Amino acid sequence: MNPRLEKLRQEREKLAEKLASLTARLKALDEQILKLENTDIVGIVRENGLTIEQLAALMAMLEKRPTAALPDEYRKTEEFMDEE
């Protein structure tokens, strides 16, 4: 067998293993990022005192009209912000 062919096959195998390792690491990083993003989102929702129903309604409204003004029920007033 051609020694060059064997060398190329070995190099290919090494690269395939490295690719599998990098793909697994990428997947793990994506999962960590998603988890942290979700934690941030939950924090923002709780910080603003939204219920699940209000959040769902807000998201539906923004999906239909992304440039619509935010309804007053979702805004913090200055009076409310002073209490914090």
PDB file of N, CA and C in Angstrom:
ATOM      1  N   MET A   1       0.843  -1.181   0.000  1.00  0.00           N
ATOM      2  CA  MET A   1       0.000   0.000   0.000  1.00  0.00           C
ATOM      3  C   MET A   1       0.889   1.245   0.000  1.00  0.00           C
ATOM      4  N   ASN A   2       0.409   2.251  -0.602  1.00  0.00           N
ATOM      5  CA  ASN A   2       1.125   3.514  -0.709  1.00  0.00           C
ATOM      6  C   ASN A   2       1.263   4.146   0.685  1.00  0.00           C
ATOM      7  N   PRO A   3       2.506   4.413   1.158  1.00  0.00           N
ATOM      8  CA  PRO A   3       2.700   4.983   2.499  1.00  0.00           C
ATOM      9  C   PRO A   3       2.070   6.375   2.643  1.00  0.00           C
ATOM     10  N   ARG A   4       2.018   7.092   1.566  1.00  0.00           N
ATOM     11  CA  ARG A   4       1.418   8.419   1.607  1.00  0.00           C
ATOM     12  C   ARG A   4      -0.093   8.328   1.864  1.00  0.00           C
ATOM     13  N   LEU A   5      -0.711   7.338   1.251  1.00  0.00           N
ATOM     14  CA  LEU A   5      -2.135   7.114   1.443  1.00  0.00           C
ATOM     15  C   LEU A   5      -2.436   6.797   2.908  1.00  0.00           C
ATOM     16  N   GLU A   6      -1.639   5.951   3.511  1.00  0.00           N
ATOM     17  CA  GLU A   6      -1.822   5.598   4.924  1.00  0.00           C
ATOM     18  C   GLU A   6      -1.638   6.821   5.825  1.00  0.00           C
ATOM     19  N   LYS A   7      -0.639   7.632   5.511  1.00  0.00           N
ATOM     20  CA  LYS A   7      -0.396   8.850   6.289  1.00  0.00           C
ATOM     21  C   LYS A   7      -1.601   9.798   6.211  1.00  0.00           C
ATOM     22  N   LEU A   8      -2.158   9.954   5.024  1.00  0.00           N
ATOM     23  CA  LEU A   8      -3.332  10.819   4.849  1.00  0.00           C
ATOM     24  C   LEU A   8      -4.544  10.273   5.612  1.00  0.00           C
ATOM     25  N   ARG A   9      -4.701   8.963   5.604  1.00  0.00           N
ATOM     26  CA  ARG A   9      -5.825   8.354   6.344  1.00  0.00           C
ATOM     27  C   ARG A   9      -5.662   8.568   7.857  1.00  0.00           C
ATOM     28  N   GLN A  10      -4.430   8.464   8.345  1.00  0.00           N
ATOM     29  CA  GLN A  10      -4.181   8.698   9.768  1.00  0.00           C
ATOM     30  C   GLN A  10      -4.468  10.160  10.133  1.00  0.00           C
ATOM     31  N   GLU A  11      -4.014  11.062   9.270  1.00  0.00           N
ATOM     32  CA  GLU A  11      -4.268  12.482   9.518  1.00  0.00           C
ATOM     33  C   GLU A  11      -5.773  12.761   9.505  1.00  0.00           C
ATOM     34  N   ARG A  12      -6.477  12.139   8.568  1.00  0.00           N
ATOM     35  CA  ARG A  12      -7.924  12.310   8.495  1.00  0.00           C
ATOM     36  C   ARG A  12      -8.603  11.812   9.771  1.00  0.00           C
ATOM     37  N   GLU A  13      -8.162  10.691  10.264  1.00  0.00           N
ATOM     38  CA  GLU A  13      -8.735  10.121  11.491  1.00  0.00           C
ATOM     39  C   GLU A  13      -8.510  11.054  12.679  1.00  0.00           C
ATOM     40  N   LYS A  14      -7.313  11.599  12.778  1.00  0.00           N
ATOM     41  CA  LYS A  14      -7.020  12.545  13.862  1.00  0.00           C
ATOM     42  C   LYS A  14      -7.922  13.771  13.776  1.00  0.00           C
ATOM     43  N   LEU A  15      -8.068  14.280  12.559  1.00  0.00           N
ATOM     44  CA  LEU A  15      -8.920  15.451  12.370  1.00  0.00           C
ATOM     45  C   LEU A  15     -10.383  15.144  12.686  1.00  0.00           C
ATOM     46  N   ALA A  16     -10.836  13.954  12.330  1.00  0.00           N
ATOM     47  CA  ALA A  16     -12.205  13.545  12.618  1.00  0.00           C
ATOM     48  C   ALA A  16     -12.441  13.483  14.134  1.00  0.00           C
ATOM     49  N   GLU A  17     -11.453  12.960  14.856  1.00  0.00           N
ATOM     50  CA  GLU A  17     -11.557  12.901  16.315  1.00  0.00           C
ATOM     51  C   GLU A  17     -11.572  14.308  16.921  1.00  0.00           C
ATOM     52  N   LYS A  18     -10.709  15.161  16.402  1.00  0.00           N
ATOM     53  CA  LYS A  18     -10.647  16.540  16.891  1.00  0.00           C
ATOM     54  C   LYS A  18     -11.959  17.264  16.602  1.00  0.00           C
ATOM     55  N   LEU A  19     -12.500  17.042  15.407  1.00  0.00           N
ATOM     56  CA  LEU A  19     -13.769  17.659  15.040  1.00  0.00           C
ATOM     57  C   LEU A  19     -14.884  17.204  15.971  1.00  0.00           C
ATOM     58  N   ALA A  20     -14.919  15.921  16.283  1.00  0.00           N
ATOM     59  CA  ALA A  20     -15.938  15.399  17.197  1.00  0.00           C
ATOM     60  C   ALA A  20     -15.791  16.031  18.574  1.00  0.00           C
ATOM     61  N   SER A  21     -14.554  16.181  19.024  1.00  0.00           N
ATOM     62  CA  SER A  21     -14.296  16.797  20.324  1.00  0.00           C
ATOM     63  C   SER A  21     -14.731  18.263  20.328  1.00  0.00           C
ATOM     64  N   LEU A  22     -14.381  18.988  19.277  1.00  0.00           N
ATOM     65  CA  LEU A  22     -14.755  20.402  19.184  1.00  0.00           C
ATOM     66  C   LEU A  22     -16.268  20.572  19.059  1.00  0.00           C
ATOM     67  N   THR A  23     -16.919  19.687  18.334  1.00  0.00           N
ATOM     68  CA  THR A  23     -18.368  19.740  18.190  1.00  0.00           C
ATOM     69  C   THR A  23     -19.046  19.525  19.539  1.00  0.00           C
ATOM     70  N   ALA A  24     -18.536  18.574  20.314  1.00  0.00           N
ATOM     71  CA  ALA A  24     -19.091  18.326  21.643  1.00  0.00           C
ATOM     72  C   ALA A  24     -18.877  19.531  22.545  1.00  0.00           C
ATOM     73  N   ARG A  25     -17.729  20.150  22.478  1.00  0.00           N
ATOM     74  CA  ARG A  25     -17.437  21.349  23.289  1.00  0.00           C
ATOM     75  C   ARG A  25     -18.341  22.506  22.878  1.00  0.00           C
ATOM     76  N   LEU A  26     -18.538  22.670  21.576  1.00  0.00           N
ATOM     77  CA  LEU A  26     -19.422  23.718  21.074  1.00  0.00           C
ATOM     78  C   LEU A  26     -20.843  23.526  21.583  1.00  0.00           C
ATOM     79  N   LYS A  27     -21.311  22.291  21.571  1.00  0.00           N
ATOM     80  CA  LYS A  27     -22.657  21.991  22.060  1.00  0.00           C
ATOM     81  C   LYS A  27     -22.769  22.316  23.554  1.00  0.00           C
ATOM     82  N   ALA A  28     -21.747  21.948  24.320  1.00  0.00           N
ATOM     83  CA  ALA A  28     -21.749  22.229  25.761  1.00  0.00           C
ATOM     84  C   ALA A  28     -21.754  23.733  26.017  1.00  0.00           C
ATOM     85  N   LEU A  29     -20.972  24.482  25.254  1.00  0.00           N
ATOM     86  CA  LEU A  29     -20.948  25.943  25.411  1.00  0.00           C
ATOM     87  C   LEU A  29     -22.294  26.559  25.043  1.00  0.00           C
ATOM     88  N   ASP A  30     -22.903  26.074  23.968  1.00  0.00           N
ATOM     89  CA  ASP A  30     -24.220  26.569  23.575  1.00  0.00           C
ATOM     90  C   ASP A  30     -25.255  26.324  24.679  1.00  0.00           C
ATOM     91  N   GLU A  31     -25.190  25.172  25.320  1.00  0.00           N
ATOM     92  CA  GLU A  31     -26.112  24.858  26.412  1.00  0.00           C
ATOM     93  C   GLU A  31     -25.891  25.790  27.605  1.00  0.00           C
ATOM     94  N   GLN A  32     -24.618  26.062  27.934  1.00  0.00           N
ATOM     95  CA  GLN A  32     -24.313  26.971  29.040  1.00  0.00           C
ATOM     96  C   GLN A  32     -24.801  28.382  28.735  1.00  0.00           C
ATOM     97  N   ILE A  33     -24.581  28.831  27.511  1.00  0.00           N
ATOM     98  CA  ILE A  33     -25.031  30.159  27.112  1.00  0.00           C
ATOM     99  C   ILE A  33     -26.548  30.257  27.217  1.00  0.00           C
ATOM    100  N   LEU A  34     -27.255  29.258  26.715  1.00  0.00           N
ATOM    101  CA  LEU A  34     -28.719  29.250  26.765  1.00  0.00           C
ATOM    102  C   LEU A  34     -29.221  29.284  28.204  1.00  0.00           C
ATOM    103  N   LYS A  35     -28.574  28.512  29.067  1.00  0.00           N
ATOM    104  CA  LYS A  35     -28.959  28.483  30.481  1.00  0.00           C
ATOM    105  C   LYS A  35     -28.793  29.858  31.132  1.00  0.00           C
ATOM    106  N   LEU A  36     -27.668  30.507  30.875  1.00  0.00           N
ATOM    107  CA  LEU A  36     -27.417  31.830  31.448  1.00  0.00           C
ATOM    108  C   LEU A  36     -28.374  32.880  30.870  1.00  0.00           C
ATOM    109  N   GLU A  37     -28.643  32.796  29.570  1.00  0.00           N
ATOM    110  CA  GLU A  37     -29.603  33.718  28.961  1.00  0.00           C
ATOM    111  C   GLU A  37     -30.987  33.538  29.576  1.00  0.00           C
ATOM    112  N   ASN A  38     -31.387  32.289  29.760  1.00  0.00           N
ATOM    113  CA  ASN A  38     -32.693  32.018  30.369  1.00  0.00           C
ATOM    114  C   ASN A  38     -32.764  32.553  31.797  1.00  0.00           C
ATOM    115  N   THR A  39     -31.682  32.408  32.533  1.00  0.00           N
ATOM    116  CA  THR A  39     -31.636  32.935  33.898  1.00  0.00           C
ATOM    117  C   THR A  39     -31.769  34.452  33.886  1.00  0.00           C
ATOM    118  N   ASP A  40     -31.087  35.104  32.950  1.00  0.00           N
ATOM    119  CA  ASP A  40     -31.204  36.561  32.826  1.00  0.00           C
ATOM    120  C   ASP A  40     -32.625  36.978  32.481  1.00  0.00           C
ATOM    121  N   ILE A  41     -33.246  36.262  31.569  1.00  0.00           N
ATOM    122  CA  ILE A  41     -34.618  36.587  31.164  1.00  0.00           C
ATOM    123  C   ILE A  41     -35.576  36.437  32.338  1.00  0.00           C
ATOM    124  N   VAL A  42     -35.454  35.348  33.073  1.00  0.00           N
ATOM    125  CA  VAL A  42     -36.312  35.135  34.241  1.00  0.00           C
ATOM    126  C   VAL A  42     -36.095  36.257  35.257  1.00  0.00           C
ATOM    127  N   GLY A  43     -34.838  36.651  35.441  1.00  0.00           N
ATOM    128  CA  GLY A  43     -34.536  37.742  36.369  1.00  0.00           C
ATOM    129  C   GLY A  43     -35.190  39.046  35.947  1.00  0.00           C
ATOM    130  N   ILE A  44     -35.126  39.352  34.665  1.00  0.00           N
ATOM    131  CA  ILE A  44     -35.733  40.588  34.159  1.00  0.00           C
ATOM    132  C   ILE A  44     -37.251  40.553  34.348  1.00  0.00           C
ATOM    133  N   VAL A  45     -37.853  39.419  34.043  1.00  0.00           N
ATOM    134  CA  VAL A  45     -39.309  39.288  34.188  1.00  0.00           C
ATOM    135  C   VAL A  45     -39.704  39.461  35.647  1.00  0.00           C
ATOM    136  N   ARG A  46     -38.980  38.819  36.546  1.00  0.00           N
ATOM    137  CA  ARG A  46     -39.305  38.931  37.970  1.00  0.00           C
ATOM    138  C   ARG A  46     -39.042  40.335  38.494  1.00  0.00           C
ATOM    139  N   GLU A  47     -37.960  40.935  38.043  1.00  0.00           N
ATOM    140  CA  GLU A  47     -37.613  42.287  38.464  1.00  0.00           C
ATOM    141  C   GLU A  47     -38.716  43.277  38.097  1.00  0.00           C
ATOM    142  N   ASN A  48     -39.362  43.023  36.979  1.00  0.00           N
ATOM    143  CA  ASN A  48     -40.428  43.904  36.523  1.00  0.00           C
ATOM    144  C   ASN A  48     -41.804  43.462  36.996  1.00  0.00           C
ATOM    145  N   GLY A  49     -41.860  42.421  37.781  1.00  0.00           N
ATOM    146  CA  GLY A  49     -43.105  41.982  38.395  1.00  0.00           C
ATOM    147  C   GLY A  49     -44.138  41.458  37.409  1.00  0.00           C
ATOM    148  N   LEU A  50     -43.693  40.900  36.296  1.00  0.00           N
ATOM    149  CA  LEU A  50     -44.628  40.374  35.308  1.00  0.00           C
ATOM    150  C   LEU A  50     -45.056  38.957  35.680  1.00  0.00           C
ATOM    151  N   THR A  51     -46.314  38.672  35.427  1.00  0.00           N
ATOM    152  CA  THR A  51     -46.781  37.293  35.562  1.00  0.00           C
ATOM    153  C   THR A  51     -46.496  36.573  34.254  1.00  0.00           C
ATOM    154  N   ILE A  52     -46.639  35.275  34.272  1.00  0.00           N
ATOM    155  CA  ILE A  52     -46.440  34.492  33.052  1.00  0.00           C
ATOM    156  C   ILE A  52     -47.439  34.926  31.990  1.00  0.00           C
ATOM    157  N   GLU A  53     -48.663  35.174  32.424  1.00  0.00           N
ATOM    158  CA  GLU A  53     -49.701  35.593  31.486  1.00  0.00           C
ATOM    159  C   GLU A  53     -49.369  36.946  30.863  1.00  0.00           C
ATOM    160  N   GLN A  54     -48.880  37.878  31.678  1.00  0.00           N
ATOM    161  CA  GLN A  54     -48.512  39.197  31.162  1.00  0.00           C
ATOM    162  C   GLN A  54     -47.344  39.087  30.180  1.00  0.00           C
ATOM    163  N   LEU A  55     -46.376  38.261  30.514  1.00  0.00           N
ATOM    164  CA  LEU A  55     -45.241  38.074  29.625  1.00  0.00           C
ATOM    165  C   LEU A  55     -45.692  37.484  28.294  1.00  0.00           C
ATOM    166  N   ALA A  56     -46.559  36.486  28.352  1.00  0.00           N
ATOM    167  CA  ALA A  56     -47.065  35.866  27.120  1.00  0.00           C
ATOM    168  C   ALA A  56     -47.829  36.882  26.288  1.00  0.00           C
ATOM    169  N   ALA A  57     -48.650  37.692  26.939  1.00  0.00           N
ATOM    170  CA  ALA A  57     -49.419  38.718  26.219  1.00  0.00           C
ATOM    171  C   ALA A  57     -48.477  39.753  25.606  1.00  0.00           C
ATOM    172  N   LEU A  58     -47.471  40.151  26.350  1.00  0.00           N
ATOM    173  CA  LEU A  58     -46.506  41.129  25.849  1.00  0.00           C
ATOM    174  C   LEU A  58     -45.750  40.575  24.641  1.00  0.00           C
ATOM    175  N   MET A  59     -45.316  39.340  24.724  1.00  0.00           N
ATOM    176  CA  MET A  59     -44.594  38.731  23.622  1.00  0.00           C
ATOM    177  C   MET A  59     -45.488  38.601  22.384  1.00  0.00           C
ATOM    178  N   ALA A  60     -46.747  38.231  22.593  1.00  0.00           N
ATOM    179  CA  ALA A  60     -47.682  38.114  21.471  1.00  0.00           C
ATOM    180  C   ALA A  60     -47.903  39.483  20.831  1.00  0.00           C
ATOM    181  N   MET A  61     -48.044  40.514  21.670  1.00  0.00           N
ATOM    182  CA  MET A  61     -48.246  41.861  21.154  1.00  0.00           C
ATOM    183  C   MET A  61     -47.025  42.308  20.344  1.00  0.00           C
ATOM    184  N   LEU A  62     -45.842  42.064  20.864  1.00  0.00           N
ATOM    185  CA  LEU A  62     -44.625  42.474  20.172  1.00  0.00           C
ATOM    186  C   LEU A  62     -44.403  41.689  18.882  1.00  0.00           C
ATOM    187  N   GLU A  63     -44.880  40.462  18.856  1.00  0.00           N
ATOM    188  CA  GLU A  63     -44.755  39.660  17.639  1.00  0.00           C
ATOM    189  C   GLU A  63     -45.633  40.241  16.529  1.00  0.00           C
ATOM    190  N   LYS A  64     -46.826  40.704  16.915  1.00  0.00           N
ATOM    191  CA  LYS A  64     -47.750  41.275  15.935  1.00  0.00           C
ATOM    192  C   LYS A  64     -47.324  42.672  15.505  1.00  0.00           C
ATOM    193  N   ARG A  65     -46.884  43.470  16.486  1.00  0.00           N
ATOM    194  CA  ARG A  65     -46.532  44.869  16.214  1.00  0.00           C
ATOM    195  C   ARG A  65     -45.239  45.213  16.945  1.00  0.00           C
ATOM    196  N   PRO A  66     -44.091  44.859  16.389  1.00  0.00           N
ATOM    197  CA  PRO A  66     -42.808  45.061  17.080  1.00  0.00           C
ATOM    198  C   PRO A  66     -42.479  46.510  17.414  1.00  0.00           C
ATOM    199  N   THR A  67     -43.052  47.457  16.690  1.00  0.00           N
ATOM    200  CA  THR A  67     -42.738  48.866  16.941  1.00  0.00           C
ATOM    201  C   THR A  67     -43.825  49.563  17.749  1.00  0.00           C
ATOM    202  N   ALA A  68     -44.773  48.787  18.253  1.00  0.00           N
ATOM    203  CA  ALA A  68     -45.873  49.380  19.021  1.00  0.00           C
ATOM    204  C   ALA A  68     -45.356  49.957  20.338  1.00  0.00           C
ATOM    205  N   ALA A  69     -46.052  50.989  20.812  1.00  0.00           N
ATOM    206  CA  ALA A  69     -45.709  51.571  22.115  1.00  0.00           C
ATOM    207  C   ALA A  69     -46.074  50.579  23.209  1.00  0.00           C
ATOM    208  N   LEU A  70     -45.285  50.580  24.245  1.00  0.00           N
ATOM    209  CA  LEU A  70     -45.511  49.680  25.365  1.00  0.00           C
ATOM    210  C   LEU A  70     -46.719  50.149  26.172  1.00  0.00           C
ATOM    211  N   PRO A  71     -47.699  49.270  26.401  1.00  0.00           N
ATOM    212  CA  PRO A  71     -48.855  49.670  27.207  1.00  0.00           C
ATOM    213  C   PRO A  71     -48.439  50.076  28.619  1.00  0.00           C
ATOM    214  N   ASP A  72     -49.205  50.962  29.220  1.00  0.00           N
ATOM    215  CA  ASP A  72     -48.881  51.483  30.545  1.00  0.00           C
ATOM    216  C   ASP A  72     -48.744  50.387  31.597  1.00  0.00           C
ATOM    217  N   GLU A  73     -49.498  49.317  31.456  1.00  0.00           N
ATOM    218  CA  GLU A  73     -49.443  48.264  32.472  1.00  0.00           C
ATOM    219  C   GLU A  73     -48.071  47.596  32.560  1.00  0.00           C
ATOM    220  N   TYR A  74     -47.236  47.772  31.524  1.00  0.00           N
ATOM    221  CA  TYR A  74     -45.903  47.180  31.519  1.00  0.00           C
ATOM    222  C   TYR A  74     -44.815  48.186  31.874  1.00  0.00           C
ATOM    223  N   ARG A  75     -45.189  49.404  32.138  1.00  0.00           N
ATOM    224  CA  ARG A  75     -44.209  50.440  32.454  1.00  0.00           C
ATOM    225  C   ARG A  75     -44.149  50.682  33.945  1.00  0.00           C
ATOM    226  N   LYS A  76     -42.941  50.905  34.415  1.00  0.00           N
ATOM    227  CA  LYS A  76     -42.774  51.316  35.805  1.00  0.00           C
ATOM    228  C   LYS A  76     -42.964  52.821  35.850  1.00  0.00           C
ATOM    229  N   THR A  77     -43.718  53.266  36.818  1.00  0.00           N
ATOM    230  CA  THR A  77     -43.880  54.713  36.968  1.00  0.00           C
ATOM    231  C   THR A  77     -42.747  55.237  37.823  1.00  0.00           C
ATOM    232  N   GLU A  78     -42.527  56.544  37.781  1.00  0.00           N
ATOM    233  CA  GLU A  78     -41.471  57.144  38.607  1.00  0.00           C
ATOM    234  C   GLU A  78     -41.769  56.897  40.085  1.00  0.00           C
ATOM    235  N   GLU A  79     -43.038  56.983  40.419  1.00  0.00           N
ATOM    236  CA  GLU A  79     -43.447  56.774  41.818  1.00  0.00           C
ATOM    237  C   GLU A  79     -43.077  55.355  42.250  1.00  0.00           C
ATOM    238  N   PHE A  80     -43.355  54.381  41.399  1.00  0.00           N
ATOM    239  CA  PHE A  80     -43.049  52.993  41.707  1.00  0.00           C
ATOM    240  C   PHE A  80     -41.537  52.780  41.788  1.00  0.00           C
ATOM    241  N   MET A  81     -40.805  53.419  40.899  1.00  0.00           N
ATOM    242  CA  MET A  81     -39.352  53.252  40.891  1.00  0.00           C
ATOM    243  C   MET A  81     -38.723  53.881  42.117  1.00  0.00           C
ATOM    244  N   ASP A  82     -39.311  54.952  42.660  1.00  0.00           N
ATOM    245  CA  ASP A  82     -38.774  55.581  43.875  1.00  0.00           C
ATOM    246  C   ASP A  82     -38.914  54.667  45.076  1.00  0.00           C
ATOM    247  N   GLU A  83     -39.912  53.787  45.047  1.00  0.00           N
ATOM    248  CA  GLU A  83     -40.157  52.895  46.172  1.00  0.00           C
ATOM    249  C   GLU A  83     -39.094  51.801  46.272  1.00  0.00           C
ATOM    250  N   GLU A  84     -38.413  51.527  45.194  1.00  0.00           N
ATOM    251  CA  GLU A  84     -37.430  50.426  45.188  1.00  0.00           C
ATOM    252  C   GLU A  84     -36.188  50.758  45.934  1.00  0.00           C
TER     253      GLU A  84
END
